[in-house]
Every structure is written in structure tokens, then in C-alpha cells.
Amino acid sequence: MINHLSIKSNFSGTPPMLILGPVVFHLNTAAYQTYQRSTSYNWVTLQRLNTGSIPILKNLTASGPAAQFINIGEDKIHLEGIIYLQIAGSLFYISFMRTIASLGVPLPLLGCDGGIFGLWLIERIDQTNTIFATRGAPRKVEFKLDLKRYHSDNAILGLL
């Protein structure tokens, strides 16, 4: 496990909020205000043998279908953030995220405490520019980022 003290950023000495490969989410760059994680779990339902008509077995067996856990399904993270360009950050971060996403490779995701969340894919990036200055430069940039966990058969030491 990585010590959170070793993940210091160059931005006022505070650790980042989240690190996705080379993309660093920090209060002074591309800060997110909403972090939503959704994980599904796959189960299959099987009908049980009807033993209710056999008196001796009637009270010994469960009624209704049985559920069998198959595996963990999709794991997704949705981030929403705002960059106020006159305060901190730049449009570079959104462009940089798009460039990294276009490479089509899974990226390691690290938490603010140094926790390793495995490999993740960037599925979608939405950007909304508002409050424009002269020459059309936005002062406020809202972004939404959808991530999906990448499950590999070749995960390094089972950590990813």
C-alpha cells in the first residue's frame, strides 16, 4: 500500500483528490464536486426441487428459488466538476483527459489516501463552457467523466 504522505502534489503541498494514470484531480486544477460509484453483482436464480408434497421433507427445505452468486458485474465511477478558469485550472486539463482517453488504454486509479482501485477506462467526457469573457474564452467549465473498471485476466499480483 502506498503511504498517502508520499503522494504529495506540486500544488500547495496537499495531496490530490484522485489520480487516474497521468490525470491528477486536485483542488487547484480539475476538482470534482460529485463522486458517484456504482457496482453491480451478478446472481443467477435457480428453481428448487418441489419437496412440499413429501411430509417428512416439508419443514426441512427452503421454499422459493435459490440464488447463486456468479461474479462482480460492472463497476463504474461518475465524476462531476467545475473549473473556474479565473481562479484555478485551465482548459488544458479537459483536453489532456480527452487525449489520454483516446489512447484506449486502462489507467491505474489511486485514491487520495494512496489506495489502489485497479485499472479503469475513460468511457465518456462531457464539457460545458459558460460565462464567457472577451473573445469567447469561457470563465467556467463544467465537466462530467464516466469511468469503468477494467477487469484483466493478467492483473499484476492481483492488485489491479
Protein backbone atom coordinates (compact mmCIF):
# COMPACT_ATOMS: atom_id res chain seq x y z
CA MET A 1 0.00 0.00 0.00
CA ILE A 2 1.29 3.45 -0.88
CA ASN A 3 1.68 5.85 2.02
CA HIS A 4 -0.55 8.88 1.46
CA LEU A 5 2.31 11.14 2.57
CA SER A 6 4.30 10.06 -0.48
CA ILE A 7 1.59 11.29 -2.85
CA LYS A 8 2.17 14.99 -2.48
CA SER A 9 1.36 17.21 -5.38
CA ASN A 10 3.14 20.32 -6.53
CA PHE A 11 0.01 22.31 -5.67
CA SER A 12 0.37 23.88 -2.21
CA GLY A 13 1.74 20.67 -0.69
CA THR A 14 -1.64 19.00 -0.33
CA PRO A 15 -2.36 15.54 -1.71
CA PRO A 16 -4.51 15.20 -4.82
CA MET A 17 -8.15 14.15 -4.64
CA LEU A 18 -7.70 11.31 -7.13
CA ILE A 19 -5.11 10.18 -9.68
CA LEU A 20 -6.16 8.46 -12.90
CA GLY A 21 -3.00 7.48 -14.74
CA PRO A 22 -1.34 10.81 -15.58
CA VAL A 23 -4.51 12.82 -14.83
CA VAL A 24 -4.40 14.43 -11.39
CA PHE A 25 -7.61 15.73 -9.82
CA HIS A 26 -6.73 18.46 -7.35
CA LEU A 27 -8.46 21.45 -5.83
CA ASN A 28 -6.17 23.75 -7.83
CA THR A 29 -6.64 22.00 -11.19
CA ALA A 30 -9.67 19.91 -12.11
CA ALA A 31 -11.57 19.46 -8.87
CA TYR A 32 -14.69 17.34 -8.83
CA GLN A 33 -17.68 18.19 -6.64
CA THR A 34 -19.53 14.90 -7.15
CA TYR A 35 -18.12 11.38 -6.90
CA GLN A 36 -20.61 8.60 -7.56
CA ARG A 37 -19.67 4.92 -7.65
CA SER A 38 -21.96 2.13 -8.77
CA THR A 39 -21.15 -1.59 -8.57
CA SER A 40 -23.39 -4.40 -9.80
CA TYR A 41 -23.30 -8.01 -8.69
CA ASN A 42 -24.38 -10.91 -10.88
CA TRP A 43 -26.61 -13.63 -9.45
CA VAL A 44 -28.43 -16.47 -11.16
CA THR A 45 -31.74 -17.76 -9.79
CA LEU A 46 -32.50 -21.48 -9.81
CA GLN A 47 -35.79 -23.18 -9.08
CA ARG A 48 -35.71 -25.60 -6.17
CA LEU A 49 -37.00 -29.16 -6.27
CA ASN A 50 -40.58 -29.22 -5.03
CA THR A 51 -40.41 -31.28 -1.85
CA GLY A 52 -43.52 -29.76 -0.29
CA SER A 53 -45.59 -32.83 -1.15
CA ILE A 54 -43.32 -35.13 0.91
CA PRO A 55 -44.41 -34.64 4.56
CA ILE A 56 -41.06 -35.54 6.15
CA LEU A 57 -39.14 -33.06 3.95
CA LYS A 58 -41.71 -30.26 4.04
CA ASN A 59 -40.16 -28.40 7.00
CA LEU A 60 -36.52 -29.24 6.21
CA THR A 61 -36.18 -27.50 2.87
CA ALA A 62 -36.31 -23.86 1.83
CA SER A 63 -39.13 -22.64 -0.31
CA GLY A 64 -38.77 -20.38 -3.31
CA PRO A 65 -35.94 -20.13 -5.81
CA ALA A 66 -32.28 -20.35 -4.82
CA ALA A 67 -29.80 -17.60 -5.72
CA GLN A 68 -26.21 -18.35 -6.71
CA PHE A 69 -23.58 -15.61 -6.81
CA ILE A 70 -21.76 -15.64 -10.16
CA ASN A 71 -19.35 -12.69 -10.09
CA ILE A 72 -18.94 -8.97 -9.64
CA GLY A 73 -20.50 -7.11 -12.55
CA GLU A 74 -19.73 -3.63 -13.80
CA ASP A 75 -18.04 -1.14 -11.53
CA LYS A 76 -18.46 2.49 -12.59
CA ILE A 77 -17.47 5.91 -11.30
CA HIS A 78 -19.11 9.16 -12.34
CA LEU A 79 -17.32 12.44 -11.57
CA GLU A 80 -18.74 15.94 -11.99
CA GLY A 81 -16.65 19.02 -11.52
CA ILE A 82 -16.30 22.71 -12.20
CA ILE A 83 -13.19 24.62 -13.21
CA TYR A 84 -13.31 28.38 -12.69
CA LEU A 85 -10.56 29.46 -15.02
CA GLN A 86 -10.01 32.85 -13.37
CA ILE A 87 -9.30 31.09 -10.04
CA ALA A 88 -7.53 27.83 -10.83
CA GLY A 89 -7.05 25.24 -13.53
CA SER A 90 -7.19 25.59 -17.28
CA LEU A 91 -8.85 24.12 -20.35
CA PHE A 92 -5.68 22.07 -20.71
CA TYR A 93 -6.99 19.53 -18.16
CA ILE A 94 -10.09 18.71 -20.19
CA SER A 95 -8.06 18.44 -23.41
CA PHE A 96 -5.49 16.32 -21.59
CA MET A 97 -8.22 13.96 -20.34
CA ARG A 98 -9.57 13.62 -23.88
CA THR A 99 -6.08 12.83 -25.21
CA ILE A 100 -5.48 10.20 -22.56
CA ALA A 101 -8.93 8.66 -23.19
CA SER A 102 -8.27 8.49 -26.93
CA LEU A 103 -5.24 6.25 -26.30
CA GLY A 104 -7.70 3.50 -25.39
CA VAL A 105 -5.65 2.02 -22.56
CA PRO A 106 -6.68 1.13 -18.99
CA LEU A 107 -5.35 3.54 -16.38
CA PRO A 108 -4.47 2.92 -12.73
CA LEU A 109 -6.73 4.74 -10.29
CA LEU A 110 -5.28 5.92 -6.97
CA GLY A 111 -7.25 7.46 -4.12
CA CYS A 112 -6.28 10.43 -2.00
CA ASP A 113 -5.08 8.07 0.71
CA GLY A 114 -2.86 6.13 -1.68
CA GLY A 115 -5.37 3.30 -2.09
CA ILE A 116 -5.13 1.39 -5.35
CA PHE A 117 -8.52 0.96 -7.04
CA GLY A 118 -7.26 -1.06 -10.00
CA LEU A 119 -7.35 -0.28 -13.71
CA TRP A 120 -10.10 1.92 -15.15
CA LEU A 121 -11.24 3.05 -18.60
CA ILE A 122 -12.47 6.51 -19.51
CA GLU A 123 -15.84 5.85 -21.15
CA ARG A 124 -17.09 9.39 -21.64
CA ILE A 125 -16.15 13.03 -21.13
CA ASP A 126 -18.72 15.83 -21.24
CA GLN A 127 -17.78 19.51 -21.16
CA THR A 128 -19.95 22.60 -20.80
CA ASN A 129 -18.43 26.07 -21.15
CA THR A 130 -20.32 29.04 -19.69
CA ILE A 131 -19.80 32.64 -18.53
CA PHE A 132 -17.74 33.83 -21.45
CA ALA A 133 -15.15 36.58 -21.43
CA THR A 134 -13.97 38.63 -24.37
CA ARG A 135 -13.07 36.69 -27.49
CA GLY A 136 -15.23 33.76 -26.38
CA ALA A 137 -12.96 32.38 -23.67
CA PRO A 138 -15.01 30.58 -21.01
CA ARG A 139 -14.62 31.53 -17.36
CA LYS A 140 -16.49 28.48 -16.09
CA VAL A 141 -16.03 24.94 -17.38
CA GLU A 142 -18.18 22.09 -16.10
CA PHE A 143 -17.09 18.54 -16.80
CA LYS A 144 -18.51 15.07 -16.36
CA LEU A 145 -16.34 12.00 -16.52
CA ASP A 146 -17.54 8.38 -16.68
CA LEU A 147 -15.08 5.65 -15.72
CA LYS A 148 -15.50 1.89 -15.96
CA ARG A 149 -13.40 -0.70 -14.16
CA TYR A 150 -11.20 -2.79 -16.43
CA HIS A 151 -11.11 -6.46 -15.49
CA SER A 152 -8.00 -8.18 -16.78
CA ASP A 153 -7.09 -11.83 -16.68
CA ASN A 154 -3.47 -10.73 -16.34
CA ALA A 155 -3.74 -8.38 -13.34
CA ILE A 156 -0.39 -7.73 -11.70
CA LEU A 157 -0.20 -9.73 -8.44
CA GLY A 158 -3.97 -9.49 -8.11
CA LEU A 159 -3.71 -5.81 -7.14
CA LEU A 160 -5.23 -4.44 -10.31
